[in-house]
Amino acid sequence: MSSTAHRKLSELTDAELLEEFDDLVVHATRGDRYALTVLSVGLGPVIFDEARTVLGPGREEHACGIVNELFMGMLRGELSFAPGAVRAGPWLGAQLHVLAARRLLSGSSQ
């Protein structure tokens, strides 16, 4: 458990908050349903909007599928995140972009 677990969010530094977010994403990519629920509730709308933007005009309806692929990939352990080289936020964005690019290249309408 993190050393910040029993402190209020308002007491955490920016660096500590980033570490906590990294930890949350690590747990989600290891199939932790609670961590994935926290991510989906907390960031689902933001990730959905990003997916719509990445897909571009006329393809926005596929954004839900991209978000689902992202979260299911994390739950199944198909996506792994190891903090260090990159933070969780940019990593999530990169994964979303990869999934969207695959969808666009395949012409899939899932």
PDB file of N, CA and C in Angstrom:
ATOM      1  N   MET A   1       0.845  -1.174   0.000  1.00  0.00           N
ATOM      2  CA  MET A   1       0.000   0.000   0.000  1.00  0.00           C
ATOM      3  C   MET A   1       0.890   1.237   0.000  1.00  0.00           C
ATOM      4  N   SER A   2       0.441   2.230  -0.655  1.00  0.00           N
ATOM      5  CA  SER A   2       1.196   3.473  -0.787  1.00  0.00           C
ATOM      6  C   SER A   2       1.314   4.200   0.546  1.00  0.00           C
ATOM      7  N   SER A   3       2.409   4.945   0.683  1.00  0.00           N
ATOM      8  CA  SER A   3       2.607   5.730   1.906  1.00  0.00           C
ATOM      9  C   SER A   3       1.635   6.905   1.995  1.00  0.00           C
ATOM     10  N   THR A   4       0.957   7.215   0.899  1.00  0.00           N
ATOM     11  CA  THR A   4       0.005   8.331   0.886  1.00  0.00           C
ATOM     12  C   THR A   4      -1.426   7.868   1.146  1.00  0.00           C
ATOM     13  N   ALA A   5      -1.622   6.589   1.403  1.00  0.00           N
ATOM     14  CA  ALA A   5      -2.964   6.007   1.488  1.00  0.00           C
ATOM     15  C   ALA A   5      -3.845   6.630   2.560  1.00  0.00           C
ATOM     16  N   HIS A   6      -3.269   7.123   3.636  1.00  0.00           N
ATOM     17  CA  HIS A   6      -4.093   7.636   4.733  1.00  0.00           C
ATOM     18  C   HIS A   6      -4.046   9.153   4.842  1.00  0.00           C
ATOM     19  N   ARG A   7      -3.667   9.810   3.773  1.00  0.00           N
ATOM     20  CA  ARG A   7      -3.617  11.269   3.768  1.00  0.00           C
ATOM     21  C   ARG A   7      -4.706  11.809   2.855  1.00  0.00           C
ATOM     22  N   LYS A   8      -5.146  13.002   3.128  1.00  0.00           N
ATOM     23  CA  LYS A   8      -6.145  13.663   2.286  1.00  0.00           C
ATOM     24  C   LYS A   8      -5.505  14.059   0.964  1.00  0.00           C
ATOM     25  N   LEU A   9      -6.304  14.041  -0.091  1.00  0.00           N
ATOM     26  CA  LEU A   9      -5.789  14.452  -1.400  1.00  0.00           C
ATOM     27  C   LEU A   9      -5.200  15.855  -1.365  1.00  0.00           C
ATOM     28  N   SER A  10      -5.834  16.732  -0.606  1.00  0.00           N
ATOM     29  CA  SER A  10      -5.363  18.123  -0.532  1.00  0.00           C
ATOM     30  C   SER A  10      -3.991  18.230   0.126  1.00  0.00           C
ATOM     31  N   GLU A  11      -3.568  17.189   0.824  1.00  0.00           N
ATOM     32  CA  GLU A  11      -2.270  17.202   1.489  1.00  0.00           C
ATOM     33  C   GLU A  11      -1.153  16.639   0.611  1.00  0.00           C
ATOM     34  N   LEU A  12      -1.513  16.036  -0.506  1.00  0.00           N
ATOM     35  CA  LEU A  12      -0.519  15.409  -1.370  1.00  0.00           C
ATOM     36  C   LEU A  12       0.106  16.418  -2.320  1.00  0.00           C
ATOM     37  N   THR A  13       1.368  16.232  -2.589  1.00  0.00           N
ATOM     38  CA  THR A  13       2.051  17.073  -3.573  1.00  0.00           C
ATOM     39  C   THR A  13       1.661  16.612  -4.972  1.00  0.00           C
ATOM     40  N   ASP A  14       1.953  17.412  -5.970  1.00  0.00           N
ATOM     41  CA  ASP A  14       1.683  17.014  -7.354  1.00  0.00           C
ATOM     42  C   ASP A  14       2.411  15.725  -7.699  1.00  0.00           C
ATOM     43  N   ALA A  15       3.645  15.617  -7.265  1.00  0.00           N
ATOM     44  CA  ALA A  15       4.429  14.401  -7.539  1.00  0.00           C
ATOM     45  C   ALA A  15       3.778  13.177  -6.899  1.00  0.00           C
ATOM     46  N   GLU A  16       3.277  13.321  -5.687  1.00  0.00           N
ATOM     47  CA  GLU A  16       2.617  12.205  -5.007  1.00  0.00           C
ATOM     48  C   GLU A  16       1.317  11.826  -5.711  1.00  0.00           C
ATOM     49  N   LEU A  17       0.579  12.813  -6.181  1.00  0.00           N
ATOM     50  CA  LEU A  17      -0.657  12.526  -6.930  1.00  0.00           C
ATOM     51  C   LEU A  17      -0.358  11.771  -8.218  1.00  0.00           C
ATOM     52  N   LEU A  18       0.697  12.177  -8.915  1.00  0.00           N
ATOM     53  CA  LEU A  18       1.090  11.477 -10.141  1.00  0.00           C
ATOM     54  C   LEU A  18       1.502  10.039  -9.838  1.00  0.00           C
ATOM     55  N   GLU A  19       2.204   9.836  -8.741  1.00  0.00           N
ATOM     56  CA  GLU A  19       2.601   8.483  -8.342  1.00  0.00           C
ATOM     57  C   GLU A  19       1.374   7.630  -8.005  1.00  0.00           C
ATOM     58  N   GLU A  20       0.406   8.225  -7.333  1.00  0.00           N
ATOM     59  CA  GLU A  20      -0.823   7.506  -6.998  1.00  0.00           C
ATOM     60  C   GLU A  20      -1.581   7.121  -8.274  1.00  0.00           C
ATOM     61  N   PHE A  21      -1.631   8.032  -9.236  1.00  0.00           N
ATOM     62  CA  PHE A  21      -2.310   7.745 -10.503  1.00  0.00           C
ATOM     63  C   PHE A  21      -1.570   6.641 -11.247  1.00  0.00           C
ATOM     64  N   ASP A  22      -0.244   6.705 -11.268  1.00  0.00           N
ATOM     65  CA  ASP A  22       0.548   5.631 -11.881  1.00  0.00           C
ATOM     66  C   ASP A  22       0.201   4.297 -11.231  1.00  0.00           C
ATOM     67  N   ASP A  23       0.139   4.278  -9.918  1.00  0.00           N
ATOM     68  CA  ASP A  23      -0.156   3.053  -9.169  1.00  0.00           C
ATOM     69  C   ASP A  23      -1.547   2.524  -9.518  1.00  0.00           C
ATOM     70  N   LEU A  24      -2.506   3.416  -9.634  1.00  0.00           N
ATOM     71  CA  LEU A  24      -3.865   3.027 -10.007  1.00  0.00           C
ATOM     72  C   LEU A  24      -3.878   2.348 -11.375  1.00  0.00           C
ATOM     73  N   VAL A  25      -3.160   2.919 -12.329  1.00  0.00           N
ATOM     74  CA  VAL A  25      -3.121   2.347 -13.679  1.00  0.00           C
ATOM     75  C   VAL A  25      -2.380   1.006 -13.678  1.00  0.00           C
ATOM     76  N   VAL A  26      -1.315   0.894 -12.903  1.00  0.00           N
ATOM     77  CA  VAL A  26      -0.620  -0.391 -12.777  1.00  0.00           C
ATOM     78  C   VAL A  26      -1.600  -1.459 -12.298  1.00  0.00           C
ATOM     79  N   HIS A  27      -2.363  -1.149 -11.263  1.00  0.00           N
ATOM     80  CA  HIS A  27      -3.331  -2.111 -10.734  1.00  0.00           C
ATOM     81  C   HIS A  27      -4.410  -2.440 -11.771  1.00  0.00           C
ATOM     82  N   ALA A  28      -4.868  -1.441 -12.480  1.00  0.00           N
ATOM     83  CA  ALA A  28      -5.895  -1.683 -13.503  1.00  0.00           C
ATOM     84  C   ALA A  28      -5.369  -2.602 -14.601  1.00  0.00           C
ATOM     85  N   THR A  29      -4.120  -2.420 -14.997  1.00  0.00           N
ATOM     86  CA  THR A  29      -3.560  -3.262 -16.065  1.00  0.00           C
ATOM     87  C   THR A  29      -3.243  -4.671 -15.580  1.00  0.00           C
ATOM     88  N   ARG A  30      -3.339  -4.876 -14.294  1.00  0.00           N
ATOM     89  CA  ARG A  30      -3.150  -6.222 -13.735  1.00  0.00           C
ATOM     90  C   ARG A  30      -4.491  -6.887 -13.416  1.00  0.00           C
ATOM     91  N   GLY A  31      -5.563  -6.288 -13.934  1.00  0.00           N
ATOM     92  CA  GLY A  31      -6.878  -6.888 -13.782  1.00  0.00           C
ATOM     93  C   GLY A  31      -7.628  -6.507 -12.524  1.00  0.00           C
ATOM     94  N   ASP A  32      -7.171  -5.502 -11.799  1.00  0.00           N
ATOM     95  CA  ASP A  32      -7.844  -5.058 -10.581  1.00  0.00           C
ATOM     96  C   ASP A  32      -9.127  -4.321 -10.974  1.00  0.00           C
ATOM     97  N   ARG A  33     -10.253  -4.959 -10.733  1.00  0.00           N
ATOM     98  CA  ARG A  33     -11.551  -4.398 -11.140  1.00  0.00           C
ATOM     99  C   ARG A  33     -11.875  -3.089 -10.418  1.00  0.00           C
ATOM    100  N   TYR A  34     -11.476  -2.986  -9.170  1.00  0.00           N
ATOM    101  CA  TYR A  34     -11.720  -1.747  -8.427  1.00  0.00           C
ATOM    102  C   TYR A  34     -10.950  -0.591  -9.073  1.00  0.00           C
ATOM    103  N   ALA A  35      -9.679  -0.807  -9.373  1.00  0.00           N
ATOM    104  CA  ALA A  35      -8.866   0.239 -10.006  1.00  0.00           C
ATOM    105  C   ALA A  35      -9.443   0.612 -11.371  1.00  0.00           C
ATOM    106  N   LEU A  36      -9.879  -0.373 -12.112  1.00  0.00           N
ATOM    107  CA  LEU A  36     -10.460  -0.101 -13.429  1.00  0.00           C
ATOM    108  C   LEU A  36     -11.772   0.671 -13.296  1.00  0.00           C
ATOM    109  N   THR A  37     -12.560   0.358 -12.279  1.00  0.00           N
ATOM    110  CA  THR A  37     -13.804   1.094 -12.041  1.00  0.00           C
ATOM    111  C   THR A  37     -13.503   2.548 -11.707  1.00  0.00           C
ATOM    112  N   VAL A  38     -12.512   2.770 -10.862  1.00  0.00           N
ATOM    113  CA  VAL A  38     -12.123   4.138 -10.510  1.00  0.00           C
ATOM    114  C   VAL A  38     -11.710   4.905 -11.766  1.00  0.00           C
ATOM    115  N   LEU A  39     -10.918   4.272 -12.616  1.00  0.00           N
ATOM    116  CA  LEU A  39     -10.492   4.922 -13.866  1.00  0.00           C
ATOM    117  C   LEU A  39     -11.682   5.207 -14.779  1.00  0.00           C
ATOM    118  N   SER A  40     -12.541   4.226 -14.940  1.00  0.00           N
ATOM    119  CA  SER A  40     -13.654   4.402 -15.881  1.00  0.00           C
ATOM    120  C   SER A  40     -14.648   5.450 -15.402  1.00  0.00           C
ATOM    121  N   VAL A  41     -14.906   5.490 -14.103  1.00  0.00           N
ATOM    122  CA  VAL A  41     -15.822   6.501 -13.572  1.00  0.00           C
ATOM    123  C   VAL A  41     -15.164   7.880 -13.592  1.00  0.00           C
ATOM    124  N   GLY A  42     -13.918   7.930 -13.168  1.00  0.00           N
ATOM    125  CA  GLY A  42     -13.231   9.213 -13.064  1.00  0.00           C
ATOM    126  C   GLY A  42     -12.791   9.806 -14.380  1.00  0.00           C
ATOM    127  N   LEU A  43     -12.363   8.955 -15.312  1.00  0.00           N
ATOM    128  CA  LEU A  43     -11.810   9.468 -16.570  1.00  0.00           C
ATOM    129  C   LEU A  43     -12.559   9.010 -17.817  1.00  0.00           C
ATOM    130  N   GLY A  44     -13.552   8.167 -17.647  1.00  0.00           N
ATOM    131  CA  GLY A  44     -14.290   7.652 -18.799  1.00  0.00           C
ATOM    132  C   GLY A  44     -14.756   8.725 -19.764  1.00  0.00           C
ATOM    133  N   PRO A  45     -15.410   9.782 -19.280  1.00  0.00           N
ATOM    134  CA  PRO A  45     -15.878  10.822 -20.197  1.00  0.00           C
ATOM    135  C   PRO A  45     -14.732  11.548 -20.921  1.00  0.00           C
ATOM    136  N   VAL A  46     -13.629  11.757 -20.236  1.00  0.00           N
ATOM    137  CA  VAL A  46     -12.480  12.420 -20.852  1.00  0.00           C
ATOM    138  C   VAL A  46     -11.866  11.522 -21.919  1.00  0.00           C
ATOM    139  N   ILE A  47     -11.722  10.243 -21.599  1.00  0.00           N
ATOM    140  CA  ILE A  47     -11.157   9.289 -22.556  1.00  0.00           C
ATOM    141  C   ILE A  47     -12.089   9.138 -23.753  1.00  0.00           C
ATOM    142  N   PHE A  48     -13.394   9.113 -23.513  1.00  0.00           N
ATOM    143  CA  PHE A  48     -14.366   9.028 -24.608  1.00  0.00           C
ATOM    144  C   PHE A  48     -14.254  10.240 -25.540  1.00  0.00           C
ATOM    145  N   ASP A  49     -14.159  11.426 -24.966  1.00  0.00           N
ATOM    146  CA  ASP A  49     -14.013  12.636 -25.790  1.00  0.00           C
ATOM    147  C   ASP A  49     -12.731  12.595 -26.610  1.00  0.00           C
ATOM    148  N   GLU A  50     -11.654  12.113 -26.008  1.00  0.00           N
ATOM    149  CA  GLU A  50     -10.390  11.992 -26.729  1.00  0.00           C
ATOM    150  C   GLU A  50     -10.517  10.994 -27.874  1.00  0.00           C
ATOM    151  N   ALA A  51     -11.200   9.887 -27.629  1.00  0.00           N
ATOM    152  CA  ALA A  51     -11.409   8.885 -28.675  1.00  0.00           C
ATOM    153  C   ALA A  51     -12.203   9.487 -29.834  1.00  0.00           C
ATOM    154  N   ARG A  52     -13.231  10.248 -29.526  1.00  0.00           N
ATOM    155  CA  ARG A  52     -14.022  10.903 -30.585  1.00  0.00           C
ATOM    156  C   ARG A  52     -13.152  11.843 -31.399  1.00  0.00           C
ATOM    157  N   THR A  53     -12.293  12.592 -30.730  1.00  0.00           N
ATOM    158  CA  THR A  53     -11.414  13.529 -31.420  1.00  0.00           C
ATOM    159  C   THR A  53     -10.422  12.787 -32.311  1.00  0.00           C
ATOM    160  N   VAL A  54      -9.819  11.742 -31.779  1.00  0.00           N
ATOM    161  CA  VAL A  54      -8.822  10.978 -32.535  1.00  0.00           C
ATOM    162  C   VAL A  54      -9.448  10.330 -33.763  1.00  0.00           C
ATOM    163  N   LEU A  55     -10.639   9.806 -33.622  1.00  0.00           N
ATOM    164  CA  LEU A  55     -11.296   9.139 -34.743  1.00  0.00           C
ATOM    165  C   LEU A  55     -11.681  10.113 -35.852  1.00  0.00           C
ATOM    166  N   GLY A  56     -11.948  11.339 -35.489  1.00  0.00           N
ATOM    167  CA  GLY A  56     -12.248  12.362 -36.481  1.00  0.00           C
ATOM    168  C   GLY A  56     -13.707  12.403 -36.896  1.00  0.00           C
ATOM    169  N   PRO A  57     -14.024  13.414 -37.690  1.00  0.00           N
ATOM    170  CA  PRO A  57     -15.408  13.620 -38.139  1.00  0.00           C
ATOM    171  C   PRO A  57     -15.958  12.396 -38.874  1.00  0.00           C
ATOM    172  N   GLY A  58     -17.198  12.094 -38.577  1.00  0.00           N
ATOM    173  CA  GLY A  58     -17.871  10.996 -39.248  1.00  0.00           C
ATOM    174  C   GLY A  58     -17.604   9.632 -38.641  1.00  0.00           C
ATOM    175  N   ARG A  59     -16.729   9.561 -37.674  1.00  0.00           N
ATOM    176  CA  ARG A  59     -16.402   8.274 -37.047  1.00  0.00           C
ATOM    177  C   ARG A  59     -16.604   8.297 -35.533  1.00  0.00           C
ATOM    178  N   GLU A  60     -17.172   9.368 -35.024  1.00  0.00           N
ATOM    179  CA  GLU A  60     -17.328   9.533 -33.580  1.00  0.00           C
ATOM    180  C   GLU A  60     -18.115   8.401 -32.929  1.00  0.00           C
ATOM    181  N   GLU A  61     -19.010   7.779 -33.697  1.00  0.00           N
ATOM    182  CA  GLU A  61     -19.850   6.723 -33.125  1.00  0.00           C
ATOM    183  C   GLU A  61     -19.034   5.502 -32.705  1.00  0.00           C
ATOM    184  N   HIS A  62     -17.800   5.393 -33.171  1.00  0.00           N
ATOM    185  CA  HIS A  62     -16.951   4.254 -32.813  1.00  0.00           C
ATOM    186  C   HIS A  62     -16.129   4.501 -31.546  1.00  0.00           C
ATOM    187  N   ALA A  63     -16.260   5.680 -30.981  1.00  0.00           N
ATOM    188  CA  ALA A  63     -15.472   6.034 -29.800  1.00  0.00           C
ATOM    189  C   ALA A  63     -15.756   5.104 -28.622  1.00  0.00           C
ATOM    190  N   CYS A  64     -16.992   4.722 -28.443  1.00  0.00           N
ATOM    191  CA  CYS A  64     -17.353   3.834 -27.331  1.00  0.00           C
ATOM    192  C   CYS A  64     -16.613   2.502 -27.466  1.00  0.00           C
ATOM    193  N   GLY A  65     -16.504   1.994 -28.676  1.00  0.00           N
ATOM    194  CA  GLY A  65     -15.785   0.741 -28.908  1.00  0.00           C
ATOM    195  C   GLY A  65     -14.314   0.855 -28.570  1.00  0.00           C
ATOM    196  N   ILE A  66     -13.719   1.993 -28.900  1.00  0.00           N
ATOM    197  CA  ILE A  66     -12.307   2.217 -28.602  1.00  0.00           C
ATOM    198  C   ILE A  66     -12.091   2.254 -27.086  1.00  0.00           C
ATOM    199  N   VAL A  67     -12.953   2.964 -26.391  1.00  0.00           N
ATOM    200  CA  VAL A  67     -12.836   3.048 -24.930  1.00  0.00           C
ATOM    201  C   VAL A  67     -13.027   1.664 -24.318  1.00  0.00           C
ATOM    202  N   ASN A  68     -13.985   0.915 -24.825  1.00  0.00           N
ATOM    203  CA  ASN A  68     -14.211  -0.445 -24.335  1.00  0.00           C
ATOM    204  C   ASN A  68     -12.980  -1.316 -24.563  1.00  0.00           C
ATOM    205  N   GLU A  69     -12.381  -1.216 -25.742  1.00  0.00           N
ATOM    206  CA  GLU A  69     -11.155  -1.983 -26.026  1.00  0.00           C
ATOM    207  C   GLU A  69     -10.036  -1.614 -25.056  1.00  0.00           C
ATOM    208  N   LEU A  70      -9.906  -0.345 -24.760  1.00  0.00           N
ATOM    209  CA  LEU A  70      -8.876   0.115 -23.832  1.00  0.00           C
ATOM    210  C   LEU A  70      -9.091  -0.499 -22.446  1.00  0.00           C
ATOM    211  N   PHE A  71     -10.294  -0.363 -21.910  1.00  0.00           N
ATOM    212  CA  PHE A  71     -10.568  -0.862 -20.569  1.00  0.00           C
ATOM    213  C   PHE A  71     -10.519  -2.391 -20.501  1.00  0.00           C
ATOM    214  N   MET A  72     -11.045  -3.066 -21.516  1.00  0.00           N
ATOM    215  CA  MET A  72     -11.006  -4.530 -21.515  1.00  0.00           C
ATOM    216  C   MET A  72      -9.574  -5.037 -21.682  1.00  0.00           C
ATOM    217  N   GLY A  73      -8.777  -4.348 -22.473  1.00  0.00           N
ATOM    218  CA  GLY A  73      -7.373  -4.728 -22.610  1.00  0.00           C
ATOM    219  C   GLY A  73      -6.635  -4.618 -21.289  1.00  0.00           C
ATOM    220  N   MET A  74      -6.971  -3.598 -20.524  1.00  0.00           N
ATOM    221  CA  MET A  74      -6.365  -3.442 -19.204  1.00  0.00           C
ATOM    222  C   MET A  74      -6.835  -4.550 -18.272  1.00  0.00           C
ATOM    223  N   LEU A  75      -8.131  -4.805 -18.259  1.00  0.00           N
ATOM    224  CA  LEU A  75      -8.701  -5.811 -17.374  1.00  0.00           C
ATOM    225  C   LEU A  75      -8.124  -7.196 -17.657  1.00  0.00           C
ATOM    226  N   ARG A  76      -7.964  -7.519 -18.920  1.00  0.00           N
ATOM    227  CA  ARG A  76      -7.452  -8.839 -19.319  1.00  0.00           C
ATOM    228  C   ARG A  76      -5.931  -8.952 -19.203  1.00  0.00           C
ATOM    229  N   GLY A  77      -5.274  -7.855 -18.885  1.00  0.00           N
ATOM    230  CA  GLY A  77      -3.823  -7.882 -18.792  1.00  0.00           C
ATOM    231  C   GLY A  77      -3.132  -7.840 -20.140  1.00  0.00           C
ATOM    232  N   GLU A  78      -3.862  -7.473 -21.192  1.00  0.00           N
ATOM    233  CA  GLU A  78      -3.283  -7.375 -22.532  1.00  0.00           C
ATOM    234  C   GLU A  78      -2.446  -6.110 -22.695  1.00  0.00           C
ATOM    235  N   LEU A  79      -2.694  -5.132 -21.851  1.00  0.00           N
ATOM    236  CA  LEU A  79      -1.925  -3.890 -21.838  1.00  0.00           C
ATOM    237  C   LEU A  79      -1.196  -3.815 -20.504  1.00  0.00           C
ATOM    238  N   SER A  80       0.058  -3.507 -20.541  1.00  0.00           N
ATOM    239  CA  SER A  80       0.792  -3.405 -19.282  1.00  0.00           C
ATOM    240  C   SER A  80       1.455  -2.041 -19.174  1.00  0.00           C
ATOM    241  N   PHE A  81       1.443  -1.529 -17.978  1.00  0.00           N
ATOM    242  CA  PHE A  81       2.044  -0.222 -17.700  1.00  0.00           C
ATOM    243  C   PHE A  81       3.063  -0.380 -16.593  1.00  0.00           C
ATOM    244  N   ALA A  82       4.272   0.086 -16.856  1.00  0.00           N
ATOM    245  CA  ALA A  82       5.337   0.085 -15.850  1.00  0.00           C
ATOM    246  C   ALA A  82       5.817   1.519 -15.711  1.00  0.00           C
ATOM    247  N   PRO A  83       5.489   2.167 -14.600  1.00  0.00           N
ATOM    248  CA  PRO A  83       5.884   3.565 -14.430  1.00  0.00           C
ATOM    249  C   PRO A  83       7.398   3.737 -14.476  1.00  0.00           C
ATOM    250  N   GLY A  84       7.782   4.886 -14.874  1.00  0.00           N
ATOM    251  CA  GLY A  84       9.210   5.189 -14.928  1.00  0.00           C
ATOM    252  C   GLY A  84       9.528   6.011 -16.158  1.00  0.00           C
ATOM    253  N   ALA A  85       9.447   5.384 -17.299  1.00  0.00           N
ATOM    254  CA  ALA A  85       9.764   6.077 -18.544  1.00  0.00           C
ATOM    255  C   ALA A  85       8.679   7.073 -18.921  1.00  0.00           C
ATOM    256  N   VAL A  86       7.444   6.756 -18.573  1.00  0.00           N
ATOM    257  CA  VAL A  86       6.307   7.610 -18.919  1.00  0.00           C
ATOM    258  C   VAL A  86       5.296   7.548 -17.781  1.00  0.00           C
ATOM    259  N   ARG A  87       4.554   8.613 -17.607  1.00  0.00           N
ATOM    260  CA  ARG A  87       3.495   8.662 -16.597  1.00  0.00           C
ATOM    261  C   ARG A  87       2.228   8.016 -17.153  1.00  0.00           C
ATOM    262  N   ALA A  88       1.307   7.702 -16.255  1.00  0.00           N
ATOM    263  CA  ALA A  88       0.074   6.999 -16.624  1.00  0.00           C
ATOM    264  C   ALA A  88      -0.789   7.794 -17.595  1.00  0.00           C
ATOM    265  N   GLY A  89      -0.896   9.107 -17.411  1.00  0.00           N
ATOM    266  CA  GLY A  89      -1.750   9.909 -18.301  1.00  0.00           C
ATOM    267  C   GLY A  89      -1.309   9.829 -19.756  1.00  0.00           C
ATOM    268  N   PRO A  90      -0.050  10.150 -20.052  1.00  0.00           N
ATOM    269  CA  PRO A  90       0.424  10.027 -21.431  1.00  0.00           C
ATOM    270  C   PRO A  90       0.364   8.587 -21.951  1.00  0.00           C
ATOM    271  N   TRP A  91       0.610   7.623 -21.081  1.00  0.00           N
ATOM    272  CA  TRP A  91       0.527   6.220 -21.503  1.00  0.00           C
ATOM    273  C   TRP A  91      -0.893   5.865 -21.927  1.00  0.00           C
ATOM    274  N   LEU A  92      -1.889   6.275 -21.132  1.00  0.00           N
ATOM    275  CA  LEU A  92      -3.286   6.014 -21.494  1.00  0.00           C
ATOM    276  C   LEU A  92      -3.625   6.661 -22.837  1.00  0.00           C
ATOM    277  N   GLY A  93      -3.169   7.909 -23.022  1.00  0.00           N
ATOM    278  CA  GLY A  93      -3.416   8.589 -24.289  1.00  0.00           C
ATOM    279  C   GLY A  93      -2.788   7.858 -25.458  1.00  0.00           C
ATOM    280  N   ALA A  94      -1.574   7.382 -25.283  1.00  0.00           N
ATOM    281  CA  ALA A  94      -0.885   6.652 -26.355  1.00  0.00           C
ATOM    282  C   ALA A  94      -1.618   5.355 -26.690  1.00  0.00           C
ATOM    283  N   GLN A  95      -2.073   4.632 -25.661  1.00  0.00           N
ATOM    284  CA  GLN A  95      -2.812   3.392 -25.898  1.00  0.00           C
ATOM    285  C   GLN A  95      -4.100   3.665 -26.663  1.00  0.00           C
ATOM    286  N   LEU A  96      -4.768   4.729 -26.290  1.00  0.00           N
ATOM    287  CA  LEU A  96      -6.002   5.113 -26.964  1.00  0.00           C
ATOM    288  C   LEU A  96      -5.737   5.421 -28.439  1.00  0.00           C
ATOM    289  N   HIS A  97      -4.665   6.147 -28.707  1.00  0.00           N
ATOM    290  CA  HIS A  97      -4.312   6.494 -30.083  1.00  0.00           C
ATOM    291  C   HIS A  97      -3.967   5.248 -30.901  1.00  0.00           C
ATOM    292  N   VAL A  98      -3.260   4.291 -30.301  1.00  0.00           N
ATOM    293  CA  VAL A  98      -2.925   3.053 -30.998  1.00  0.00           C
ATOM    294  C   VAL A  98      -4.198   2.281 -31.350  1.00  0.00           C
ATOM    295  N   LEU A  99      -5.096   2.162 -30.396  1.00  0.00           N
ATOM    296  CA  LEU A  99      -6.349   1.444 -30.653  1.00  0.00           C
ATOM    297  C   LEU A  99      -7.173   2.137 -31.727  1.00  0.00           C
ATOM    298  N   ALA A 100      -7.219   3.454 -31.677  1.00  0.00           N
ATOM    299  CA  ALA A 100      -7.974   4.201 -32.690  1.00  0.00           C
ATOM    300  C   ALA A 100      -7.338   4.037 -34.070  1.00  0.00           C
ATOM    301  N   ALA A 101      -6.015   4.075 -34.132  1.00  0.00           N
ATOM    302  CA  ALA A 101      -5.331   3.903 -35.419  1.00  0.00           C
ATOM    303  C   ALA A 101      -5.610   2.522 -35.999  1.00  0.00           C
ATOM    304  N   ARG A 102      -5.586   1.507 -35.149  1.00  0.00           N
ATOM    305  CA  ARG A 102      -5.909   0.152 -35.621  1.00  0.00           C
ATOM    306  C   ARG A 102      -7.324   0.093 -36.168  1.00  0.00           C
ATOM    307  N   ARG A 103      -8.233   0.737 -35.457  1.00  0.00           N
ATOM    308  CA  ARG A 103      -9.637   0.745 -35.892  1.00  0.00           C
ATOM    309  C   ARG A 103      -9.769   1.438 -37.241  1.00  0.00           C
ATOM    310  N   LEU A 104      -9.090   2.570 -37.387  1.00  0.00           N
ATOM    311  CA  LEU A 104      -9.179   3.323 -38.639  1.00  0.00           C
ATOM    312  C   LEU A 104      -8.528   2.565 -39.790  1.00  0.00           C
ATOM    313  N   LEU A 105      -7.394   1.934 -39.538  1.00  0.00           N
ATOM    314  CA  LEU A 105      -6.692   1.198 -40.592  1.00  0.00           C
ATOM    315  C   LEU A 105      -7.456  -0.036 -41.023  1.00  0.00           C
ATOM    316  N   SER A 106      -8.141  -0.674 -40.091  1.00  0.00           N
ATOM    317  CA  SER A 106      -8.877  -1.887 -40.428  1.00  0.00           C
ATOM    318  C   SER A 106     -10.235  -1.573 -41.047  1.00  0.00           C
ATOM    319  N   GLY A 107     -10.664  -0.324 -40.890  1.00  0.00           N
ATOM    320  CA  GLY A 107     -11.980   0.060 -41.408  1.00  0.00           C
ATOM    321  C   GLY A 107     -13.098  -0.582 -40.625  1.00  0.00           C
ATOM    322  N   SER A 108     -12.781  -1.051 -39.419  1.00  0.00           N
ATOM    323  CA  SER A 108     -13.743  -1.748 -38.580  1.00  0.00           C
ATOM    324  C   SER A 108     -14.842  -0.828 -38.103  1.00  0.00           C
ATOM    325  N   SER A 109     -16.018  -1.366 -37.991  1.00  0.00           N
ATOM    326  CA  SER A 109     -17.149  -0.602 -37.453  1.00  0.00           C
ATOM    327  C   SER A 109     -17.683  -1.242 -36.188  1.00  0.00           C
ATOM    328  N   GLN A 110     -16.818  -1.914 -35.457  1.00  0.00           N
ATOM    329  CA  GLN A 110     -17.244  -2.583 -34.217  1.00  0.00           C
ATOM    330  C   GLN A 110     -17.806  -1.597 -33.232  1.00  0.00           C
TER     331      GLN A 110
END
